[in-house]
C-alpha cells in the first residue's frame, strides 16, 4: 500500500475503500477480455 513496504496478501491489509477501487480496476480490465 505504501512505498518501501513489502507486499502482503490483499485480505490482510486492504481497507474497504481500497478493496472497492481494486475490484473496480479488476472489473475494468477484465471487461475488455470477455464478450459481454
ModelCIF file with pLDDT and N, C-alpha, C, O atoms, coordinates in Angstrom:
data_MODEL
#
_entry.id   MODEL 
#
_entity.id                         1 
_entity.type                       polymer 
_entity.pdbx_number_of_molecules   1 
#
_entity_poly.entity_id                      1 
_entity_poly.type                           'polypeptide(L)' 
_entity_poly.nstd_linkage                   no 
_entity_poly.nstd_monomer                   no 
_entity_poly.pdbx_seq_one_letter_code       
;(UNK)(UNK)(UNK)(UNK)(UNK)(UNK)(UNK)(UNK)(UNK)(UNK)(UNK)(UNK)(UNK)(UNK)(UNK)(UNK)
(UNK)(UNK)(UNK)(UNK)(UNK)(UNK)(UNK)(UNK)(UNK)(UNK)(UNK)(UNK)(UNK)(UNK)(UNK)(UNK)
(UNK)(UNK)(UNK)(UNK)
;
_entity_poly.pdbx_seq_one_letter_code_can   XXXXXXXXXXXXXXXXXXXXXXXXXXXXXXXXXXXX 
_entity_poly.pdbx_strand_id                 A 
#
loop_
_entity_poly_seq.entity_id 
_entity_poly_seq.num 
_entity_poly_seq.mon_id 
_entity_poly_seq.hetero 
1 1  UNK n 
1 2  UNK n 
1 3  UNK n 
1 4  UNK n 
1 5  UNK n 
1 6  UNK n 
1 7  UNK n 
1 8  UNK n 
1 9  UNK n 
1 10 UNK n 
1 11 UNK n 
1 12 UNK n 
1 13 UNK n 
1 14 UNK n 
1 15 UNK n 
1 16 UNK n 
1 17 UNK n 
1 18 UNK n 
1 19 UNK n 
1 20 UNK n 
1 21 UNK n 
1 22 UNK n 
1 23 UNK n 
1 24 UNK n 
1 25 UNK n 
1 26 UNK n 
1 27 UNK n 
1 28 UNK n 
1 29 UNK n 
1 30 UNK n 
1 31 UNK n 
1 32 UNK n 
1 33 UNK n 
1 34 UNK n 
1 35 UNK n 
1 36 UNK n 
#
_struct_asym.id          A 
_struct_asym.entity_id   1 
#
loop_
_ma_qa_metric.id 
_ma_qa_metric.mode 
_ma_qa_metric.name 
_ma_qa_metric.software_group_id 
_ma_qa_metric.type 
1 global pLDDT . pLDDT 
2 local  pLDDT . pLDDT 
#
_ma_qa_metric_global.metric_id      1 
_ma_qa_metric_global.metric_value   77.86 
_ma_qa_metric_global.model_id       1 
_ma_qa_metric_global.ordinal_id     1 
#
loop_
_ma_qa_metric_local.label_asym_id 
_ma_qa_metric_local.label_comp_id 
_ma_qa_metric_local.label_seq_id 
_ma_qa_metric_local.metric_id 
_ma_qa_metric_local.metric_value 
_ma_qa_metric_local.model_id 
_ma_qa_metric_local.ordinal_id 
A UNK 1  2 77.00 1 1  
A UNK 2  2 78.00 1 2  
A UNK 3  2 79.00 1 3  
A UNK 4  2 79.00 1 4  
A UNK 5  2 82.00 1 5  
A UNK 6  2 86.00 1 6  
A UNK 7  2 87.00 1 7  
A UNK 8  2 87.00 1 8  
A UNK 9  2 87.00 1 9  
A UNK 10 2 81.00 1 10 
A UNK 11 2 74.00 1 11 
A UNK 12 2 77.00 1 12 
A UNK 13 2 72.00 1 13 
A UNK 14 2 66.00 1 14 
A UNK 15 2 68.00 1 15 
A UNK 16 2 69.00 1 16 
A UNK 17 2 70.00 1 17 
A UNK 18 2 75.00 1 18 
A UNK 19 2 76.00 1 19 
A UNK 20 2 76.00 1 20 
A UNK 21 2 80.00 1 21 
A UNK 22 2 81.00 1 22 
A UNK 23 2 80.00 1 23 
A UNK 24 2 81.00 1 24 
A UNK 25 2 83.00 1 25 
A UNK 26 2 82.00 1 26 
A UNK 27 2 81.00 1 27 
A UNK 28 2 82.00 1 28 
A UNK 29 2 85.00 1 29 
A UNK 30 2 81.00 1 30 
A UNK 31 2 77.00 1 31 
A UNK 32 2 71.00 1 32 
A UNK 33 2 72.00 1 33 
A UNK 34 2 69.00 1 34 
A UNK 35 2 72.00 1 35 
A UNK 36 2 80.00 1 36 
#
loop_
_atom_site.group_PDB 
_atom_site.id 
_atom_site.type_symbol 
_atom_site.label_atom_id 
_atom_site.label_alt_id 
_atom_site.label_comp_id 
_atom_site.label_asym_id 
_atom_site.label_entity_id 
_atom_site.label_seq_id 
_atom_site.pdbx_PDB_ins_code 
_atom_site.Cartn_x 
_atom_site.Cartn_y 
_atom_site.Cartn_z 
_atom_site.occupancy 
_atom_site.B_iso_or_equiv 
_atom_site.pdbx_formal_charge 
_atom_site.auth_seq_id 
_atom_site.auth_comp_id 
_atom_site.auth_asym_id 
_atom_site.auth_atom_id 
_atom_site.pdbx_PDB_model_num 
ATOM 1   N N  . UNK A 1 1  ? 0.813   -1.218  0.000   1.00 77.00 ? 1  UNK A N  1 
ATOM 2   C CA . UNK A 1 1  ? 0.000   0.000   0.000   1.00 77.00 ? 1  UNK A CA 1 
ATOM 3   C C  . UNK A 1 1  ? 0.844   1.264   0.000   1.00 77.00 ? 1  UNK A C  1 
ATOM 4   O O  . UNK A 1 1  ? 0.384   2.314   -0.449  1.00 77.00 ? 1  UNK A O  1 
ATOM 5   N N  . UNK A 1 2  ? 2.082   1.178   0.502   1.00 78.00 ? 2  UNK A N  1 
ATOM 6   C CA . UNK A 1 2  ? 2.945   2.361   0.597   1.00 78.00 ? 2  UNK A CA 1 
ATOM 7   C C  . UNK A 1 2  ? 4.353   2.014   0.122   1.00 78.00 ? 2  UNK A C  1 
ATOM 8   O O  . UNK A 1 2  ? 4.792   0.867   0.199   1.00 78.00 ? 2  UNK A O  1 
ATOM 9   N N  . UNK A 1 3  ? 5.049   3.044   -0.374  1.00 79.00 ? 3  UNK A N  1 
ATOM 10  C CA . UNK A 1 3  ? 6.395   2.844   -0.909  1.00 79.00 ? 3  UNK A CA 1 
ATOM 11  C C  . UNK A 1 3  ? 7.315   2.297   0.187   1.00 79.00 ? 3  UNK A C  1 
ATOM 12  O O  . UNK A 1 3  ? 7.355   2.806   1.308   1.00 79.00 ? 3  UNK A O  1 
ATOM 13  N N  . UNK A 1 4  ? 8.046   1.248   -0.176  1.00 79.00 ? 4  UNK A N  1 
ATOM 14  C CA . UNK A 1 4  ? 9.008   0.677   0.750   1.00 79.00 ? 4  UNK A CA 1 
ATOM 15  C C  . UNK A 1 4  ? 8.476   -0.467  1.581   1.00 79.00 ? 4  UNK A C  1 
ATOM 16  O O  . UNK A 1 4  ? 9.257   -1.210  2.176   1.00 79.00 ? 4  UNK A O  1 
ATOM 17  N N  . UNK A 1 5  ? 7.159   -0.629  1.636   1.00 82.00 ? 5  UNK A N  1 
ATOM 18  C CA . UNK A 1 5  ? 6.586   -1.728  2.417   1.00 82.00 ? 5  UNK A CA 1 
ATOM 19  C C  . UNK A 1 5  ? 6.570   -3.003  1.584   1.00 82.00 ? 5  UNK A C  1 
ATOM 20  O O  . UNK A 1 5  ? 6.317   -2.955  0.380   1.00 82.00 ? 5  UNK A O  1 
ATOM 21  N N  . UNK A 1 6  ? 6.840   -4.150  2.222   1.00 86.00 ? 6  UNK A N  1 
ATOM 22  C CA . UNK A 1 6  ? 6.782   -5.424  1.483   1.00 86.00 ? 6  UNK A CA 1 
ATOM 23  C C  . UNK A 1 6  ? 5.345   -5.764  1.107   1.00 86.00 ? 6  UNK A C  1 
ATOM 24  O O  . UNK A 1 6  ? 4.397   -5.351  1.775   1.00 86.00 ? 6  UNK A O  1 
ATOM 25  N N  . UNK A 1 7  ? 5.206   -6.518  0.033   1.00 87.00 ? 7  UNK A N  1 
ATOM 26  C CA . UNK A 1 7  ? 3.862   -6.924  -0.406  1.00 87.00 ? 7  UNK A CA 1 
ATOM 27  C C  . UNK A 1 7  ? 3.270   -7.938  0.562   1.00 87.00 ? 7  UNK A C  1 
ATOM 28  O O  . UNK A 1 7  ? 3.967   -8.823  1.060   1.00 87.00 ? 7  UNK A O  1 
ATOM 29  N N  . UNK A 1 8  ? 1.990   -7.798  0.816   1.00 87.00 ? 8  UNK A N  1 
ATOM 30  C CA . UNK A 1 8  ? 1.264   -8.713  1.695   1.00 87.00 ? 8  UNK A CA 1 
ATOM 31  C C  . UNK A 1 8  ? -0.069  -9.082  1.037   1.00 87.00 ? 8  UNK A C  1 
ATOM 32  O O  . UNK A 1 8  ? -0.525  -8.377  0.137   1.00 87.00 ? 8  UNK A O  1 
ATOM 33  N N  . UNK A 1 9  ? -0.691  -10.169 1.473   1.00 87.00 ? 9  UNK A N  1 
ATOM 34  C CA . UNK A 1 9  ? -1.993  -10.548 0.901   1.00 87.00 ? 9  UNK A CA 1 
ATOM 35  C C  . UNK A 1 9  ? -3.015  -9.431  1.033   1.00 87.00 ? 9  UNK A C  1 
ATOM 36  O O  . UNK A 1 9  ? -3.087  -8.770  2.069   1.00 87.00 ? 9  UNK A O  1 
ATOM 37  N N  . UNK A 1 10 ? -3.804  -9.220  -0.012  1.00 81.00 ? 10 UNK A N  1 
ATOM 38  C CA . UNK A 1 10 ? -4.830  -8.164  -0.012  1.00 81.00 ? 10 UNK A CA 1 
ATOM 39  C C  . UNK A 1 10 ? -5.739  -8.292  1.201   1.00 81.00 ? 10 UNK A C  1 
ATOM 40  O O  . UNK A 1 10 ? -6.096  -7.294  1.828   1.00 81.00 ? 10 UNK A O  1 
ATOM 41  N N  . UNK A 1 11 ? -6.110  -9.520  1.526   1.00 74.00 ? 11 UNK A N  1 
ATOM 42  C CA . UNK A 1 11 ? -7.071  -9.737  2.609   1.00 74.00 ? 11 UNK A CA 1 
ATOM 43  C C  . UNK A 1 11 ? -6.573  -9.205  3.945   1.00 74.00 ? 11 UNK A C  1 
ATOM 44  O O  . UNK A 1 11 ? -7.370  -8.909  4.835   1.00 74.00 ? 11 UNK A O  1 
ATOM 45  N N  . UNK A 1 12 ? -5.243  -9.082  4.088   1.00 77.00 ? 12 UNK A N  1 
ATOM 46  C CA . UNK A 1 12 ? -4.693  -8.701  5.388   1.00 77.00 ? 12 UNK A CA 1 
ATOM 47  C C  . UNK A 1 12 ? -4.515  -7.200  5.568   1.00 77.00 ? 12 UNK A C  1 
ATOM 48  O O  . UNK A 1 12 ? -4.504  -6.707  6.696   1.00 77.00 ? 12 UNK A O  1 
ATOM 49  N N  . UNK A 1 13 ? -4.374  -6.471  4.467   1.00 72.00 ? 13 UNK A N  1 
ATOM 50  C CA . UNK A 1 13 ? -4.010  -5.053  4.650   1.00 72.00 ? 13 UNK A CA 1 
ATOM 51  C C  . UNK A 1 13 ? -4.942  -4.055  3.960   1.00 72.00 ? 13 UNK A C  1 
ATOM 52  O O  . UNK A 1 13 ? -4.908  -2.865  4.276   1.00 72.00 ? 13 UNK A O  1 
ATOM 53  N N  . UNK A 1 14 ? -5.784  -4.526  3.009   1.00 66.00 ? 14 UNK A N  1 
ATOM 54  C CA . UNK A 1 14 ? -6.607  -3.584  2.248   1.00 66.00 ? 14 UNK A CA 1 
ATOM 55  C C  . UNK A 1 14 ? -7.796  -3.108  3.059   1.00 66.00 ? 14 UNK A C  1 
ATOM 56  O O  . UNK A 1 14 ? -8.458  -3.900  3.730   1.00 66.00 ? 14 UNK A O  1 
ATOM 57  N N  . UNK A 1 15 ? -8.069  -1.790  2.995   1.00 68.00 ? 15 UNK A N  1 
ATOM 58  C CA . UNK A 1 15 ? -9.265  -1.235  3.636   1.00 68.00 ? 15 UNK A CA 1 
ATOM 59  C C  . UNK A 1 15 ? -10.462 -1.429  2.717   1.00 68.00 ? 15 UNK A C  1 
ATOM 60  O O  . UNK A 1 15 ? -10.317 -1.877  1.579   1.00 68.00 ? 15 UNK A O  1 
ATOM 61  N N  . UNK A 1 16 ? -11.667 -1.080  3.228   1.00 69.00 ? 16 UNK A N  1 
ATOM 62  C CA . UNK A 1 16 ? -12.874 -1.216  2.412   1.00 69.00 ? 16 UNK A CA 1 
ATOM 63  C C  . UNK A 1 16 ? -12.809 -0.387  1.149   1.00 69.00 ? 16 UNK A C  1 
ATOM 64  O O  . UNK A 1 16 ? -13.175 -0.858  0.072   1.00 69.00 ? 16 UNK A O  1 
ATOM 65  N N  . UNK A 1 17 ? -12.337 0.866   1.276   1.00 70.00 ? 17 UNK A N  1 
ATOM 66  C CA . UNK A 1 17 ? -12.242 1.736   0.104   1.00 70.00 ? 17 UNK A CA 1 
ATOM 67  C C  . UNK A 1 17 ? -11.237 1.228   -0.895  1.00 70.00 ? 17 UNK A C  1 
ATOM 68  O O  . UNK A 1 17 ? -11.455 1.309   -2.104  1.00 70.00 ? 17 UNK A O  1 
ATOM 69  N N  . UNK A 1 18 ? -10.115 0.695   -0.386  1.00 75.00 ? 18 UNK A N  1 
ATOM 70  C CA . UNK A 1 18 ? -9.108  0.130   -1.286  1.00 75.00 ? 18 UNK A CA 1 
ATOM 71  C C  . UNK A 1 18 ? -9.644  -1.095  -2.008  1.00 75.00 ? 18 UNK A C  1 
ATOM 72  O O  . UNK A 1 18 ? -9.404  -1.270  -3.203  1.00 75.00 ? 18 UNK A O  1 
ATOM 73  N N  . UNK A 1 19 ? -10.374 -1.950  -1.282  1.00 76.00 ? 19 UNK A N  1 
ATOM 74  C CA . UNK A 1 19 ? -10.964 -3.130  -1.916  1.00 76.00 ? 19 UNK A CA 1 
ATOM 75  C C  . UNK A 1 19 ? -11.895 -2.724  -3.047  1.00 76.00 ? 19 UNK A C  1 
ATOM 76  O O  . UNK A 1 19 ? -11.877 -3.331  -4.118  1.00 76.00 ? 19 UNK A O  1 
ATOM 77  N N  . UNK A 1 20 ? -12.714 -1.692  -2.812  1.00 76.00 ? 20 UNK A N  1 
ATOM 78  C CA . UNK A 1 20 ? -13.665 -1.243  -3.829  1.00 76.00 ? 20 UNK A CA 1 
ATOM 79  C C  . UNK A 1 20 ? -12.942 -0.757  -5.073  1.00 76.00 ? 20 UNK A C  1 
ATOM 80  O O  . UNK A 1 20 ? -13.329 -1.083  -6.195  1.00 76.00 ? 20 UNK A O  1 
ATOM 81  N N  . UNK A 1 21 ? -11.875 0.038   -4.863  1.00 80.00 ? 21 UNK A N  1 
ATOM 82  C CA . UNK A 1 21 ? -11.150 0.575   -6.011  1.00 80.00 ? 21 UNK A CA 1 
ATOM 83  C C  . UNK A 1 21 ? -10.366 -0.519  -6.749  1.00 80.00 ? 21 UNK A C  1 
ATOM 84  O O  . UNK A 1 21 ? -10.281 -0.514  -7.977  1.00 80.00 ? 21 UNK A O  1 
ATOM 85  N N  . UNK A 1 22 ? -9.792  -1.460  -5.974  1.00 81.00 ? 22 UNK A N  1 
ATOM 86  C CA . UNK A 1 22 ? -9.056  -2.554  -6.622  1.00 81.00 ? 22 UNK A CA 1 
ATOM 87  C C  . UNK A 1 22 ? -10.015 -3.411  -7.451  1.00 81.00 ? 22 UNK A C  1 
ATOM 88  O O  . UNK A 1 22 ? -9.691  -3.797  -8.574  1.00 81.00 ? 22 UNK A O  1 
ATOM 89  N N  . UNK A 1 23 ? -11.202 -3.710  -6.895  1.00 80.00 ? 23 UNK A N  1 
ATOM 90  C CA . UNK A 1 23 ? -12.176 -4.517  -7.634  1.00 80.00 ? 23 UNK A CA 1 
ATOM 91  C C  . UNK A 1 23 ? -12.668 -3.771  -8.871  1.00 80.00 ? 23 UNK A C  1 
ATOM 92  O O  . UNK A 1 23 ? -12.879 -4.378  -9.921  1.00 80.00 ? 23 UNK A O  1 
ATOM 93  N N  . UNK A 1 24 ? -12.853 -2.444  -8.749  1.00 81.00 ? 24 UNK A N  1 
ATOM 94  C CA . UNK A 1 24 ? -13.256 -1.651  -9.908  1.00 81.00 ? 24 UNK A CA 1 
ATOM 95  C C  . UNK A 1 24 ? -12.183 -1.731  -10.996 1.00 81.00 ? 24 UNK A C  1 
ATOM 96  O O  . UNK A 1 24 ? -12.491 -1.866  -12.180 1.00 81.00 ? 24 UNK A O  1 
ATOM 97  N N  . UNK A 1 25 ? -10.936 -1.646  -10.579 1.00 83.00 ? 25 UNK A N  1 
ATOM 98  C CA . UNK A 1 25 ? -9.838  -1.744  -11.547 1.00 83.00 ? 25 UNK A CA 1 
ATOM 99  C C  . UNK A 1 25 ? -9.820  -3.123  -12.213 1.00 83.00 ? 25 UNK A C  1 
ATOM 100 O O  . UNK A 1 25 ? -9.654  -3.227  -13.428 1.00 83.00 ? 25 UNK A O  1 
ATOM 101 N N  . UNK A 1 26 ? -9.996  -4.193  -11.403 1.00 82.00 ? 26 UNK A N  1 
ATOM 102 C CA . UNK A 1 26 ? -10.019 -5.554  -11.953 1.00 82.00 ? 26 UNK A CA 1 
ATOM 103 C C  . UNK A 1 26 ? -11.151 -5.715  -12.954 1.00 82.00 ? 26 UNK A C  1 
ATOM 104 O O  . UNK A 1 26 ? -10.954 -6.215  -14.061 1.00 82.00 ? 26 UNK A O  1 
ATOM 105 N N  . UNK A 1 27 ? -12.349 -5.280  -12.545 1.00 81.00 ? 27 UNK A N  1 
ATOM 106 C CA . UNK A 1 27 ? -13.515 -5.425  -13.423 1.00 81.00 ? 27 UNK A CA 1 
ATOM 107 C C  . UNK A 1 27 ? -13.307 -4.661  -14.729 1.00 81.00 ? 27 UNK A C  1 
ATOM 108 O O  . UNK A 1 27 ? -13.713 -5.109  -15.801 1.00 81.00 ? 27 UNK A O  1 
ATOM 109 N N  . UNK A 1 28 ? -12.671 -3.513  -14.614 1.00 82.00 ? 28 UNK A N  1 
ATOM 110 C CA . UNK A 1 28 ? -12.496 -2.678  -15.785 1.00 82.00 ? 28 UNK A CA 1 
ATOM 111 C C  . UNK A 1 28 ? -11.572 -3.332  -16.804 1.00 82.00 ? 28 UNK A C  1 
ATOM 112 O O  . UNK A 1 28 ? -11.827 -3.276  -18.007 1.00 82.00 ? 28 UNK A O  1 
ATOM 113 N N  . UNK A 1 29 ? -10.487 -3.959  -16.316 1.00 85.00 ? 29 UNK A N  1 
ATOM 114 C CA . UNK A 1 29 ? -9.562  -4.592  -17.277 1.00 85.00 ? 29 UNK A CA 1 
ATOM 115 C C  . UNK A 1 29 ? -10.115 -5.916  -17.794 1.00 85.00 ? 29 UNK A C  1 
ATOM 116 O O  . UNK A 1 29 ? -9.850  -6.298  -18.934 1.00 85.00 ? 29 UNK A O  1 
ATOM 117 N N  . UNK A 1 30 ? -10.899 -6.629  -16.941 1.00 81.00 ? 30 UNK A N  1 
ATOM 118 C CA . UNK A 1 30 ? -11.468 -7.909  -17.379 1.00 81.00 ? 30 UNK A CA 1 
ATOM 119 C C  . UNK A 1 30 ? -12.580 -7.692  -18.393 1.00 81.00 ? 30 UNK A C  1 
ATOM 120 O O  . UNK A 1 30 ? -12.808 -8.523  -19.272 1.00 81.00 ? 30 UNK A O  1 
ATOM 121 N N  . UNK A 1 31 ? -13.286 -6.535  -18.257 1.00 77.00 ? 31 UNK A N  1 
ATOM 122 C CA . UNK A 1 31 ? -14.417 -6.252  -19.151 1.00 77.00 ? 31 UNK A CA 1 
ATOM 123 C C  . UNK A 1 31 ? -14.005 -6.246  -20.610 1.00 77.00 ? 31 UNK A C  1 
ATOM 124 O O  . UNK A 1 31 ? -14.799 -6.600  -21.481 1.00 77.00 ? 31 UNK A O  1 
ATOM 125 N N  . UNK A 1 32 ? -12.746 -5.840  -20.890 1.00 71.00 ? 32 UNK A N  1 
ATOM 126 C CA . UNK A 1 32 ? -12.277 -5.802  -22.275 1.00 71.00 ? 32 UNK A CA 1 
ATOM 127 C C  . UNK A 1 32 ? -11.956 -7.177  -22.826 1.00 71.00 ? 32 UNK A C  1 
ATOM 128 O O  . UNK A 1 32 ? -11.779 -7.347  -24.032 1.00 71.00 ? 32 UNK A O  1 
ATOM 129 N N  . UNK A 1 33 ? -11.881 -8.172  -21.926 1.00 72.00 ? 33 UNK A N  1 
ATOM 130 C CA . UNK A 1 33 ? -11.450 -9.502  -22.345 1.00 72.00 ? 33 UNK A CA 1 
ATOM 131 C C  . UNK A 1 33 ? -12.608 -10.443 -22.665 1.00 72.00 ? 33 UNK A C  1 
ATOM 132 O O  . UNK A 1 33 ? -12.428 -11.412 -23.402 1.00 72.00 ? 33 UNK A O  1 
ATOM 133 N N  . UNK A 1 34 ? -13.802 -10.166 -22.117 1.00 69.00 ? 34 UNK A N  1 
ATOM 134 C CA . UNK A 1 34 ? -14.922 -11.076 -22.369 1.00 69.00 ? 34 UNK A CA 1 
ATOM 135 C C  . UNK A 1 34 ? -15.807 -10.536 -23.483 1.00 69.00 ? 34 UNK A C  1 
ATOM 136 O O  . UNK A 1 34 ? -15.559 -9.463  -24.032 1.00 69.00 ? 34 UNK A O  1 
ATOM 137 N N  . UNK A 1 35 ? -16.835 -11.296 -23.803 1.00 72.00 ? 35 UNK A N  1 
ATOM 138 C CA . UNK A 1 35 ? -17.722 -10.960 -24.913 1.00 72.00 ? 35 UNK A CA 1 
ATOM 139 C C  . UNK A 1 35 ? -19.037 -10.357 -24.415 1.00 72.00 ? 35 UNK A C  1 
ATOM 140 O O  . UNK A 1 35 ? -19.994 -10.221 -25.177 1.00 72.00 ? 35 UNK A O  1 
ATOM 141 N N  . UNK A 1 36 ? -19.073 -9.998  -23.125 1.00 80.00 ? 36 UNK A N  1 
ATOM 142 C CA . UNK A 1 36 ? -20.300 -9.448  -22.552 1.00 80.00 ? 36 UNK A CA 1 
ATOM 143 C C  . UNK A 1 36 ? -20.297 -7.933  -22.741 1.00 80.00 ? 36 UNK A C  1 
ATOM 144 O O  . UNK A 1 36 ? -21.241 -7.258  -22.331 1.00 80.00 ? 36 UNK A O  1 
#
